[in-house]
PDB file of N, CA and C in Angstrom:
ATOM      1  N   MET A   1      -8.209 -41.227  33.907  1.00  0.00           N
ATOM      2  CA  MET A   1      -8.312 -40.258  32.839  1.00  0.00           C
ATOM      3  C   MET A   1      -9.089 -39.041  33.323  1.00  0.00           C
ATOM      4  N   GLN A   2      -8.704 -37.881  32.824  1.00  0.00           N
ATOM      5  CA  GLN A   2      -9.349 -36.642  33.220  1.00  0.00           C
ATOM      6  C   GLN A   2     -10.780 -36.576  32.697  1.00  0.00           C
ATOM      7  N   GLN A   3     -11.674 -36.006  33.496  1.00  0.00           N
ATOM      8  CA  GLN A   3     -13.067 -35.882  33.077  1.00  0.00           C
ATOM      9  C   GLN A   3     -13.160 -34.904  31.910  1.00  0.00           C
ATOM     10  N   PRO A   4     -13.855 -35.278  30.839  1.00  0.00           N
ATOM     11  CA  PRO A   4     -13.918 -34.392  29.681  1.00  0.00           C
ATOM     12  C   PRO A   4     -14.720 -33.131  29.982  1.00  0.00           C
ATOM     13  N   SER A   5     -14.274 -31.997  29.458  1.00  0.00           N
ATOM     14  CA  SER A   5     -14.976 -30.741  29.693  1.00  0.00           C
ATOM     15  C   SER A   5     -16.049 -30.507  28.653  1.00  0.00           C
ATOM     16  N   ILE A   6     -16.195 -31.416  27.707  1.00  0.00           N
ATOM     17  CA  ILE A   6     -17.261 -31.334  26.725  1.00  0.00           C
ATOM     18  C   ILE A   6     -18.314 -32.362  27.098  1.00  0.00           C
ATOM     19  N   ARG A   7     -19.569 -31.937  27.094  1.00  0.00           N
ATOM     20  CA  ARG A   7     -20.656 -32.793  27.544  1.00  0.00           C
ATOM     21  C   ARG A   7     -21.668 -33.029  26.435  1.00  0.00           C
ATOM     22  N   LYS A   8     -22.601 -33.917  26.695  1.00  0.00           N
ATOM     23  CA  LYS A   8     -23.665 -34.223  25.747  1.00  0.00           C
ATOM     24  C   LYS A   8     -24.481 -32.960  25.460  1.00  0.00           C
ATOM     25  N   ASN A   9     -24.910 -32.802  24.209  1.00  0.00           N
ATOM     26  CA  ASN A   9     -25.702 -31.676  23.706  1.00  0.00           C
ATOM     27  C   ASN A   9     -24.920 -30.378  23.569  1.00  0.00           C
ATOM     28  N   ASP A  10     -23.602 -30.380  23.778  1.00  0.00           N
ATOM     29  CA  ASP A  10     -22.784 -29.198  23.506  1.00  0.00           C
ATOM     30  C   ASP A  10     -22.589 -29.068  22.001  1.00  0.00           C
ATOM     31  N   ASN A  11     -22.477 -27.838  21.518  1.00  0.00           N
ATOM     32  CA  ASN A  11     -22.139 -27.606  20.119  1.00  0.00           C
ATOM     33  C   ASN A  11     -20.631 -27.489  20.014  1.00  0.00           C
ATOM     34  N   VAL A  12     -20.051 -28.269  19.087  1.00  0.00           N
ATOM     35  CA  VAL A  12     -18.601 -28.282  18.929  1.00  0.00           C
ATOM     36  C   VAL A  12     -18.241 -28.098  17.461  1.00  0.00           C
ATOM     37  N   ILE A  13     -16.970 -27.750  17.231  1.00  0.00           N
ATOM     38  CA  ILE A  13     -16.428 -27.648  15.881  1.00  0.00           C
ATOM     39  C   ILE A  13     -15.207 -28.552  15.813  1.00  0.00           C
ATOM     40  N   VAL A  14     -15.070 -29.296  14.726  1.00  0.00           N
ATOM     41  CA  VAL A  14     -13.946 -30.216  14.558  1.00  0.00           C
ATOM     42  C   VAL A  14     -12.747 -29.413  14.067  1.00  0.00           C
ATOM     43  N   THR A  15     -11.598 -29.564  14.739  1.00  0.00           N
ATOM     44  CA  THR A  15     -10.419 -28.762  14.412  1.00  0.00           C
ATOM     45  C   THR A  15      -9.443 -29.470  13.492  1.00  0.00           C
ATOM     46  N   THR A  16      -9.370 -30.797  13.542  1.00  0.00           N
ATOM     47  CA  THR A  16      -8.411 -31.525  12.712  1.00  0.00           C
ATOM     48  C   THR A  16      -9.052 -32.748  12.092  1.00  0.00           C
ATOM     49  N   GLY A  17      -8.399 -33.292  11.083  1.00  0.00           N
ATOM     50  CA  GLY A  17      -8.849 -34.533  10.477  1.00  0.00           C
ATOM     51  C   GLY A  17      -9.665 -34.320   9.228  1.00  0.00           C
ATOM     52  N   ARG A  18     -10.265 -35.385   8.769  1.00  0.00           N
ATOM     53  CA  ARG A  18     -11.021 -35.405   7.526  1.00  0.00           C
ATOM     54  C   ARG A  18     -12.211 -34.446   7.558  1.00  0.00           C
ATOM     55  N   ASP A  19     -12.835 -34.279   8.717  1.00  0.00           N
ATOM     56  CA  ASP A  19     -14.029 -33.445   8.843  1.00  0.00           C
ATOM     57  C   ASP A  19     -13.745 -32.098   9.501  1.00  0.00           C
ATOM     58  N   SER A  20     -12.531 -31.581   9.379  1.00  0.00           N
ATOM     59  CA  SER A  20     -12.196 -30.326  10.046  1.00  0.00           C
ATOM     60  C   SER A  20     -13.067 -29.192   9.517  1.00  0.00           C
ATOM     61  N   GLY A  21     -13.514 -28.349  10.443  1.00  0.00           N
ATOM     62  CA  GLY A  21     -14.376 -27.225  10.096  1.00  0.00           C
ATOM     63  C   GLY A  21     -15.854 -27.513  10.250  1.00  0.00           C
ATOM     64  N   LYS A  22     -16.235 -28.771  10.402  1.00  0.00           N
ATOM     65  CA  LYS A  22     -17.650 -29.111  10.547  1.00  0.00           C
ATOM     66  C   LYS A  22     -18.109 -28.835  11.977  1.00  0.00           C
ATOM     67  N   ARG A  23     -19.352 -28.381  12.078  1.00  0.00           N
ATOM     68  CA  ARG A  23     -19.960 -28.149  13.387  1.00  0.00           C
ATOM     69  C   ARG A  23     -21.008 -29.215  13.634  1.00  0.00           C
ATOM     70  N   GLY A  24     -21.216 -29.539  14.889  1.00  0.00           N
ATOM     71  CA  GLY A  24     -22.228 -30.533  15.223  1.00  0.00           C
ATOM     72  C   GLY A  24     -22.502 -30.559  16.704  1.00  0.00           C
ATOM     73  N   ARG A  25     -23.546 -31.289  17.065  1.00  0.00           N
ATOM     74  CA  ARG A  25     -23.955 -31.436  18.456  1.00  0.00           C
ATOM     75  C   ARG A  25     -23.435 -32.775  18.970  1.00  0.00           C
ATOM     76  N   VAL A  26     -22.955 -32.790  20.192  1.00  0.00           N
ATOM     77  CA  VAL A  26     -22.427 -34.019  20.788  1.00  0.00           C
ATOM     78  C   VAL A  26     -23.602 -34.928  21.148  1.00  0.00           C
ATOM     79  N   LEU A  27     -23.615 -36.126  20.567  1.00  0.00           N
ATOM     80  CA  LEU A  27     -24.681 -37.093  20.826  1.00  0.00           C
ATOM     81  C   LEU A  27     -24.353 -37.997  22.006  1.00  0.00           C
ATOM     82  N   LYS A  28     -23.066 -38.332  22.150  1.00  0.00           N
ATOM     83  CA  LYS A  28     -22.658 -39.272  23.189  1.00  0.00           C
ATOM     84  C   LYS A  28     -21.218 -38.988  23.585  1.00  0.00           C
ATOM     85  N   VAL A  29     -20.894 -39.141  24.858  1.00  0.00           N
ATOM     86  CA  VAL A  29     -19.539 -38.966  25.366  1.00  0.00           C
ATOM     87  C   VAL A  29     -19.058 -40.317  25.885  1.00  0.00           C
ATOM     88  N   LEU A  30     -17.852 -40.707  25.453  1.00  0.00           N
ATOM     89  CA  LEU A  30     -17.247 -41.956  25.912  1.00  0.00           C
ATOM     90  C   LEU A  30     -16.012 -41.605  26.746  1.00  0.00           C
ATOM     91  N   PRO A  31     -16.187 -41.281  28.040  1.00  0.00           N
ATOM     92  CA  PRO A  31     -15.078 -40.770  28.843  1.00  0.00           C
ATOM     93  C   PRO A  31     -13.954 -41.778  29.072  1.00  0.00           C
ATOM     94  N   ALA A  32     -14.256 -43.070  29.079  1.00  0.00           N
ATOM     95  CA  ALA A  32     -13.216 -44.076  29.299  1.00  0.00           C
ATOM     96  C   ALA A  32     -12.210 -44.086  28.152  1.00  0.00           C
ATOM     97  N   LYS A  33     -12.672 -43.791  26.931  1.00  0.00           N
ATOM     98  CA  LYS A  33     -11.798 -43.769  25.762  1.00  0.00           C
ATOM     99  C   LYS A  33     -11.380 -42.359  25.380  1.00  0.00           C
ATOM    100  N   GLY A  34     -11.987 -41.343  25.994  1.00  0.00           N
ATOM    101  CA  GLY A  34     -11.669 -39.959  25.657  1.00  0.00           C
ATOM    102  C   GLY A  34     -12.194 -39.564  24.289  1.00  0.00           C
ATOM    103  N   ARG A  35     -13.342 -40.113  23.907  1.00  0.00           N
ATOM    104  CA  ARG A  35     -13.888 -39.871  22.575  1.00  0.00           C
ATOM    105  C   ARG A  35     -15.328 -39.371  22.652  1.00  0.00           C
ATOM    106  N   LEU A  36     -15.790 -38.794  21.531  1.00  0.00           N
ATOM    107  CA  LEU A  36     -17.136 -38.246  21.436  1.00  0.00           C
ATOM    108  C   LEU A  36     -17.785 -38.740  20.157  1.00  0.00           C
ATOM    109  N   ILE A  37     -19.096 -38.794  20.147  1.00  0.00           N
ATOM    110  CA  ILE A  37     -19.834 -39.028  18.905  1.00  0.00           C
ATOM    111  C   ILE A  37     -20.567 -37.733  18.603  1.00  0.00           C
ATOM    112  N   VAL A  38     -20.226 -37.136  17.451  1.00  0.00           N
ATOM    113  CA  VAL A  38     -20.753 -35.833  17.067  1.00  0.00           C
ATOM    114  C   VAL A  38     -21.677 -36.005  15.868  1.00  0.00           C
ATOM    115  N   GLU A  39     -22.793 -35.307  15.895  1.00  0.00           N
ATOM    116  CA  GLU A  39     -23.821 -35.406  14.855  1.00  0.00           C
ATOM    117  C   GLU A  39     -23.274 -34.944  13.500  1.00  0.00           C
ATOM    118  N   GLY A  40     -23.333 -35.825  12.503  1.00  0.00           N
ATOM    119  CA  GLY A  40     -22.922 -35.478  11.141  1.00  0.00           C
ATOM    120  C   GLY A  40     -21.431 -35.466  10.891  1.00  0.00           C
ATOM    121  N   VAL A  41     -20.638 -35.973  11.823  1.00  0.00           N
ATOM    122  CA  VAL A  41     -19.177 -35.954  11.705  1.00  0.00           C
ATOM    123  C   VAL A  41     -18.653 -37.385  11.750  1.00  0.00           C
ATOM    124  N   ASN A  42     -17.619 -37.680  10.954  1.00  0.00           N
ATOM    125  CA  ASN A  42     -16.968 -38.986  10.909  1.00  0.00           C
ATOM    126  C   ASN A  42     -17.976 -40.079  10.553  1.00  0.00           C
ATOM    127  N   ILE A  43     -18.647 -39.904   9.419  1.00  0.00           N
ATOM    128  CA  ILE A  43     -19.654 -40.869   8.971  1.00  0.00           C
ATOM    129  C   ILE A  43     -18.948 -42.139   8.501  1.00  0.00           C
ATOM    130  N   ILE A  44     -19.383 -43.285   9.067  1.00  0.00           N
ATOM    131  CA  ILE A  44     -18.821 -44.580   8.700  1.00  0.00           C
ATOM    132  C   ILE A  44     -19.940 -45.467   8.167  1.00  0.00           C
ATOM    133  N   LYS A  45     -19.567 -46.499   7.428  1.00  0.00           N
ATOM    134  CA  LYS A  45     -20.539 -47.440   6.886  1.00  0.00           C
ATOM    135  C   LYS A  45     -20.423 -48.760   7.623  1.00  0.00           C
ATOM    136  N   ARG A  46     -21.566 -49.274   8.031  1.00  0.00           N
ATOM    137  CA  ARG A  46     -21.625 -50.547   8.733  1.00  0.00           C
ATOM    138  C   ARG A  46     -22.509 -51.504   7.949  1.00  0.00           C
ATOM    139  N   HIS A  47     -22.066 -52.743   7.788  1.00  0.00           N
ATOM    140  CA  HIS A  47     -22.873 -53.764   7.143  1.00  0.00           C
ATOM    141  C   HIS A  47     -23.683 -54.464   8.224  1.00  0.00           C
ATOM    142  N   THR A  48     -25.001 -54.395   8.117  1.00  0.00           N
ATOM    143  CA  THR A  48     -25.854 -54.974   9.153  1.00  0.00           C
ATOM    144  C   THR A  48     -26.691 -56.110   8.584  1.00  0.00           C
ATOM    145  N   ARG A  49     -26.954 -57.073   9.440  1.00  0.00           N
ATOM    146  CA  ARG A  49     -27.793 -58.210   9.087  1.00  0.00           C
ATOM    147  C   ARG A  49     -29.240 -57.859   9.363  1.00  0.00           C
ATOM    148  N   PRO A  50     -30.156 -58.388   8.576  1.00  0.00           N
ATOM    149  CA  PRO A  50     -31.561 -58.150   8.896  1.00  0.00           C
ATOM    150  C   PRO A  50     -31.961 -58.894  10.169  1.00  0.00           C
ATOM    151  N   ASN A  51     -32.772 -58.241  10.988  1.00  0.00           N
ATOM    152  CA  ASN A  51     -33.272 -58.847  12.213  1.00  0.00           C
ATOM    153  C   ASN A  51     -34.770 -58.541  12.314  1.00  0.00           C
ATOM    154  N   PRO A  52     -35.609 -59.476  11.879  1.00  0.00           N
ATOM    155  CA  PRO A  52     -37.048 -59.210  11.874  1.00  0.00           C
ATOM    156  C   PRO A  52     -37.641 -58.992  13.269  1.00  0.00           C
ATOM    157  N   GLN A  53     -37.046 -59.573  14.301  1.00  0.00           N
ATOM    158  CA  GLN A  53     -37.572 -59.396  15.657  1.00  0.00           C
ATOM    159  C   GLN A  53     -37.429 -57.951  16.123  1.00  0.00           C
ATOM    160  N   ARG A  54     -36.320 -57.316  15.781  1.00  0.00           N
ATOM    161  CA  ARG A  54     -36.094 -55.920  16.172  1.00  0.00           C
ATOM    162  C   ARG A  54     -36.511 -54.939  15.081  1.00  0.00           C
ATOM    163  N   ASN A  55     -37.089 -55.469  13.996  1.00  0.00           N
ATOM    164  CA  ASN A  55     -37.546 -54.655  12.874  1.00  0.00           C
ATOM    165  C   ASN A  55     -36.388 -53.885  12.224  1.00  0.00           C
ATOM    166  N   ILE A  56     -35.240 -54.560  12.061  1.00  0.00           N
ATOM    167  CA  ILE A  56     -34.068 -53.963  11.430  1.00  0.00           C
ATOM    168  C   ILE A  56     -33.906 -54.555  10.047  1.00  0.00           C
ATOM    169  N   LYS A  57     -33.791 -53.672   9.054  1.00  0.00           N
ATOM    170  CA  LYS A  57     -33.539 -54.134   7.697  1.00  0.00           C
ATOM    171  C   LYS A  57     -32.037 -54.274   7.499  1.00  0.00           C
ATOM    172  N   GLY A  58     -31.646 -55.226   6.696  1.00  0.00           N
ATOM    173  CA  GLY A  58     -30.235 -55.431   6.434  1.00  0.00           C
ATOM    174  C   GLY A  58     -29.717 -54.493   5.365  1.00  0.00           C
ATOM    175  N   GLY A  59     -28.411 -54.442   5.216  1.00  0.00           N
ATOM    176  CA  GLY A  59     -27.791 -53.612   4.193  1.00  0.00           C
ATOM    177  C   GLY A  59     -26.676 -52.768   4.765  1.00  0.00           C
ATOM    178  N   ILE A  60     -26.282 -51.759   4.010  1.00  0.00           N
ATOM    179  CA  ILE A  60     -25.201 -50.866   4.434  1.00  0.00           C
ATOM    180  C   ILE A  60     -25.828 -49.649   5.101  1.00  0.00           C
ATOM    181  N   VAL A  61     -25.476 -49.430   6.369  1.00  0.00           N
ATOM    182  CA  VAL A  61     -26.028 -48.332   7.164  1.00  0.00           C
ATOM    183  C   VAL A  61     -24.925 -47.324   7.442  1.00  0.00           C
ATOM    184  N   GLU A  62     -25.226 -46.044   7.237  1.00  0.00           N
ATOM    185  CA  GLU A  62     -24.271 -44.983   7.566  1.00  0.00           C
ATOM    186  C   GLU A  62     -24.616 -44.421   8.934  1.00  0.00           C
ATOM    187  N   ARG A  63     -23.588 -44.241   9.769  1.00  0.00           N
ATOM    188  CA  ARG A  63     -23.790 -43.637  11.081  1.00  0.00           C
ATOM    189  C   ARG A  63     -22.522 -42.929  11.513  1.00  0.00           C
ATOM    190  N   GLU A  64     -22.606 -42.200  12.623  1.00  0.00           N
ATOM    191  CA  GLU A  64     -21.469 -41.431  13.109  1.00  0.00           C
ATOM    192  C   GLU A  64     -20.498 -42.333  13.862  1.00  0.00           C
ATOM    193  N   GLY A  65     -19.211 -42.110  13.617  1.00  0.00           N
ATOM    194  CA  GLY A  65     -18.175 -42.801  14.370  1.00  0.00           C
ATOM    195  C   GLY A  65     -17.637 -41.877  15.449  1.00  0.00           C
ATOM    196  N   ALA A  66     -16.823 -42.418  16.332  1.00  0.00           N
ATOM    197  CA  ALA A  66     -16.276 -41.635  17.433  1.00  0.00           C
ATOM    198  C   ALA A  66     -15.113 -40.768  16.952  1.00  0.00           C
ATOM    199  N   VAL A  67     -14.992 -39.583  17.575  1.00  0.00           N
ATOM    200  CA  VAL A  67     -13.913 -38.642  17.303  1.00  0.00           C
ATOM    201  C   VAL A  67     -13.199 -38.401  18.625  1.00  0.00           C
ATOM    202  N   HIS A  68     -11.885 -38.271  18.593  1.00  0.00           N
ATOM    203  CA  HIS A  68     -11.158 -38.021  19.835  1.00  0.00           C
ATOM    204  C   HIS A  68     -11.483 -36.628  20.359  1.00  0.00           C
ATOM    205  N   ALA A  69     -11.600 -36.514  21.675  1.00  0.00           N
ATOM    206  CA  ALA A  69     -12.008 -35.254  22.302  1.00  0.00           C
ATOM    207  C   ALA A  69     -11.008 -34.127  22.067  1.00  0.00           C
ATOM    208  N   SER A  70      -9.737 -34.464  21.809  1.00  0.00           N
ATOM    209  CA  SER A  70      -8.738 -33.423  21.571  1.00  0.00           C
ATOM    210  C   SER A  70      -8.874 -32.803  20.185  1.00  0.00           C
ATOM    211  N   ASN A  71      -9.665 -33.434  19.306  1.00  0.00           N
ATOM    212  CA  ASN A  71      -9.823 -32.929  17.945  1.00  0.00           C
ATOM    213  C   ASN A  71     -11.051 -32.052  17.765  1.00  0.00           C
ATOM    214  N   VAL A  72     -11.730 -31.707  18.853  1.00  0.00           N
ATOM    215  CA  VAL A  72     -12.877 -30.806  18.774  1.00  0.00           C
ATOM    216  C   VAL A  72     -12.720 -29.690  19.800  1.00  0.00           C
ATOM    217  N   GLN A  73     -13.396 -28.561  19.523  1.00  0.00           N
ATOM    218  CA  GLN A  73     -13.436 -27.471  20.482  1.00  0.00           C
ATOM    219  C   GLN A  73     -14.869 -27.015  20.647  1.00  0.00           C
ATOM    220  N   LEU A  74     -15.193 -26.572  21.844  1.00  0.00           N
ATOM    221  CA  LEU A  74     -16.526 -26.113  22.164  1.00  0.00           C
ATOM    222  C   LEU A  74     -16.824 -24.798  21.461  1.00  0.00           C
ATOM    223  N   VAL A  75     -18.063 -24.624  21.003  1.00  0.00           N
ATOM    224  CA  VAL A  75     -18.514 -23.351  20.450  1.00  0.00           C
ATOM    225  C   VAL A  75     -19.308 -22.655  21.550  1.00  0.00           C
ATOM    226  N   CYS A  76     -18.876 -21.448  21.916  1.00  0.00           N
ATOM    227  CA  CYS A  76     -19.513 -20.699  22.995  1.00  0.00           C
ATOM    228  C   CYS A  76     -20.915 -20.269  22.554  1.00  0.00           C
ATOM    229  N   PRO A  77     -21.951 -20.528  23.380  1.00  0.00           N
ATOM    230  CA  PRO A  77     -23.301 -20.128  22.997  1.00  0.00           C
ATOM    231  C   PRO A  77     -23.513 -18.614  23.032  1.00  0.00           C
ATOM    232  N   GLU A  78     -22.678 -17.880  23.770  1.00  0.00           N
ATOM    233  CA  GLU A  78     -22.851 -16.423  23.877  1.00  0.00           C
ATOM    234  C   GLU A  78     -22.140 -15.675  22.762  1.00  0.00           C
ATOM    235  N   CYS A  79     -20.841 -15.962  22.554  1.00  0.00           N
ATOM    236  CA  CYS A  79     -20.095 -15.207  21.536  1.00  0.00           C
ATOM    237  C   CYS A  79     -20.035 -15.933  20.196  1.00  0.00           C
ATOM    238  N   GLY A  80     -20.350 -17.232  20.154  1.00  0.00           N
ATOM    239  CA  GLY A  80     -20.408 -17.979  18.906  1.00  0.00           C
ATOM    240  C   GLY A  80     -19.062 -18.395  18.336  1.00  0.00           C
ATOM    241  N   LYS A  81     -17.983 -18.206  19.085  1.00  0.00           N
ATOM    242  CA  LYS A  81     -16.646 -18.579  18.622  1.00  0.00           C
ATOM    243  C   LYS A  81     -16.220 -19.883  19.285  1.00  0.00           C
ATOM    244  N   MET A  82     -15.280 -20.589  18.622  1.00  0.00           N
ATOM    245  CA  MET A  82     -14.753 -21.783  19.276  1.00  0.00           C
ATOM    246  C   MET A  82     -13.773 -21.330  20.347  1.00  0.00           C
ATOM    247  N   THR A  83     -13.824 -21.992  21.479  1.00  0.00           N
ATOM    248  CA  THR A  83     -13.087 -21.509  22.635  1.00  0.00           C
ATOM    249  C   THR A  83     -12.609 -22.649  23.516  1.00  0.00           C
ATOM    250  N   ARG A  84     -11.654 -22.307  24.367  1.00  0.00           N
ATOM    251  CA  ARG A  84     -11.251 -23.226  25.417  1.00  0.00           C
ATOM    252  C   ARG A  84     -12.212 -23.055  26.585  1.00  0.00           C
ATOM    253  N   ILE A  85     -12.182 -23.990  27.506  1.00  0.00           N
ATOM    254  CA  ILE A  85     -13.142 -23.997  28.601  1.00  0.00           C
ATOM    255  C   ILE A  85     -12.418 -23.786  29.918  1.00  0.00           C
ATOM    256  N   GLY A  86     -12.957 -22.885  30.728  1.00  0.00           N
ATOM    257  CA  GLY A  86     -12.454 -22.670  32.074  1.00  0.00           C
ATOM    258  C   GLY A  86     -13.532 -23.058  33.071  1.00  0.00           C
ATOM    259  N   HIS A  87     -13.187 -23.042  34.345  1.00  0.00           N
ATOM    260  CA  HIS A  87     -14.141 -23.385  35.392  1.00  0.00           C
ATOM    261  C   HIS A  87     -14.153 -22.288  36.436  1.00  0.00           C
ATOM    262  N   ARG A  88     -15.315 -22.029  36.998  1.00  0.00           N
ATOM    263  CA  ARG A  88     -15.482 -21.020  38.034  1.00  0.00           C
ATOM    264  C   ARG A  88     -16.585 -21.499  38.963  1.00  0.00           C
ATOM    265  N   VAL A  89     -16.520 -21.068  40.210  1.00  0.00           N
ATOM    266  CA  VAL A  89     -17.549 -21.429  41.177  1.00  0.00           C
ATOM    267  C   VAL A  89     -18.517 -20.260  41.304  1.00  0.00           C
ATOM    268  N   ASN A  90     -19.784 -20.492  40.936  1.00  0.00           N
ATOM    269  CA  ASN A  90     -20.845 -19.494  41.095  1.00  0.00           C
ATOM    270  C   ASN A  90     -21.730 -19.942  42.248  1.00  0.00           C
ATOM    271  N   GLY A  91     -21.603 -19.282  43.378  1.00  0.00           N
ATOM    272  CA  GLY A  91     -22.370 -19.691  44.558  1.00  0.00           C
ATOM    273  C   GLY A  91     -21.893 -21.039  45.045  1.00  0.00           C
ATOM    274  N   ASP A  92     -22.768 -22.039  44.970  1.00  0.00           N
ATOM    275  CA  ASP A  92     -22.395 -23.389  45.400  1.00  0.00           C
ATOM    276  C   ASP A  92     -22.186 -24.318  44.218  1.00  0.00           C
ATOM    277  N   ARG A  93     -22.198 -23.770  42.980  1.00  0.00           N
ATOM    278  CA  ARG A  93     -22.115 -24.584  41.768  1.00  0.00           C
ATOM    279  C   ARG A  93     -20.848 -24.293  40.981  1.00  0.00           C
ATOM    280  N   LYS A  94     -20.204 -25.348  40.490  1.00  0.00           N
ATOM    281  CA  LYS A  94     -19.042 -25.184  39.624  1.00  0.00           C
ATOM    282  C   LYS A  94     -19.543 -25.155  38.185  1.00  0.00           C
ATOM    283  N   VAL A  95     -19.252 -24.081  37.445  1.00  0.00           N
ATOM    284  CA  VAL A  95     -19.757 -23.927  36.081  1.00  0.00           C
ATOM    285  C   VAL A  95     -18.593 -23.800  35.109  1.00  0.00           C
ATOM    286  N   ARG A  96     -18.866 -24.142  33.840  1.00  0.00           N
ATOM    287  CA  ARG A  96     -17.880 -23.972  32.779  1.00  0.00           C
ATOM    288  C   ARG A  96     -18.040 -22.577  32.182  1.00  0.00           C
ATOM    289  N   ILE A  97     -16.913 -21.928  31.877  1.00  0.00           N
ATOM    290  CA  ILE A  97     -16.965 -20.593  31.291  1.00  0.00           C
ATOM    291  C   ILE A  97     -16.158 -20.552  29.998  1.00  0.00           C
ATOM    292  N   CYS A  98     -16.518 -19.610  29.129  1.00  0.00           N
ATOM    293  CA  CYS A  98     -15.797 -19.366  27.885  1.00  0.00           C
ATOM    294  C   CYS A  98     -14.549 -18.562  28.212  1.00  0.00           C
ATOM    295  N   ARG A  99     -13.403 -18.952  27.670  1.00  0.00           N
ATOM    296  CA  ARG A  99     -12.158 -18.241  27.930  1.00  0.00           C
ATOM    297  C   ARG A  99     -12.075 -16.922  27.176  1.00  0.00           C
ATOM    298  N   LYS A 100     -12.878 -16.750  26.115  1.00  0.00           N
ATOM    299  CA  LYS A 100     -12.800 -15.521  25.332  1.00  0.00           C
ATOM    300  C   LYS A 100     -13.709 -14.439  25.854  1.00  0.00           C
ATOM    301  N   CYS A 101     -14.989 -14.783  26.141  1.00  0.00           N
ATOM    302  CA  CYS A 101     -15.942 -13.753  26.559  1.00  0.00           C
ATOM    303  C   CYS A 101     -16.301 -13.845  28.043  1.00  0.00           C
ATOM    304  N   GLU A 102     -15.738 -14.829  28.753  1.00  0.00           N
ATOM    305  CA  GLU A 102     -16.007 -15.045  30.184  1.00  0.00           C
ATOM    306  C   GLU A 102     -17.484 -15.350  30.462  1.00  0.00           C
ATOM    307  N   GLY A 103     -18.240 -15.747  29.427  1.00  0.00           N
ATOM    308  CA  GLY A 103     -19.646 -16.098  29.609  1.00  0.00           C
ATOM    309  C   GLY A 103     -19.796 -17.509  30.120  1.00  0.00           C
ATOM    310  N   VAL A 104     -20.900 -17.776  30.812  1.00  0.00           N
ATOM    311  CA  VAL A 104     -21.160 -19.102  31.360  1.00  0.00           C
ATOM    312  C   VAL A 104     -21.699 -20.004  30.252  1.00  0.00           C
ATOM    313  N   VAL A 105     -21.080 -21.172  30.087  1.00  0.00           N
ATOM    314  CA  VAL A 105     -21.471 -22.115  29.047  1.00  0.00           C
ATOM    315  C   VAL A 105     -22.646 -22.978  29.505  1.00  0.00           C
ATOM    316  N   ASP A 106     -22.681 -23.334  30.796  1.00  0.00           N
ATOM    317  CA  ASP A 106     -23.750 -24.177  31.327  1.00  0.00           C
ATOM    318  C   ASP A 106     -25.041 -23.388  31.427  1.00  0.00           C
ATOM    319  N   LYS A 107     -26.157 -24.108  31.216  1.00  0.00           N
ATOM    320  CA  LYS A 107     -27.447 -23.433  31.311  1.00  0.00           C
ATOM    321  C   LYS A 107     -27.856 -23.265  32.744  1.00  0.00           C
TER     322      LYS A 107
END
C-alpha cells in the first residue's frame, strides 16, 4: 500500500460522509488499513467493562473511530485552504508542499 501523505498532527477537513465539513487534527495514522483517527470526527460509542486495576469505570464511552484517508484532505497551514499534497526536494530533504500556494507543509 502507498505511504499516506497525511501524517500525525496534520490539520485535515472531512470531505465526504456523515461528518463532512468538519475540521480536526490527526491523532493516529493506520497505514496498513489506509485509515486515520481524527479529533472530534466519526464519534462512536463503546460499551466498556469496569477494570479497577487500570482505574477504568464501566459504561458507555464515546471516542473517535477511524476514517478512510481518501475521505479527508489536508488544510494548508499557510493559505488555510484544503489542498492536495505534492512533494519536492529541498536540499537533502524531501518535503510536502501545498498544490495551491506552493508553500511547504512540513515544519
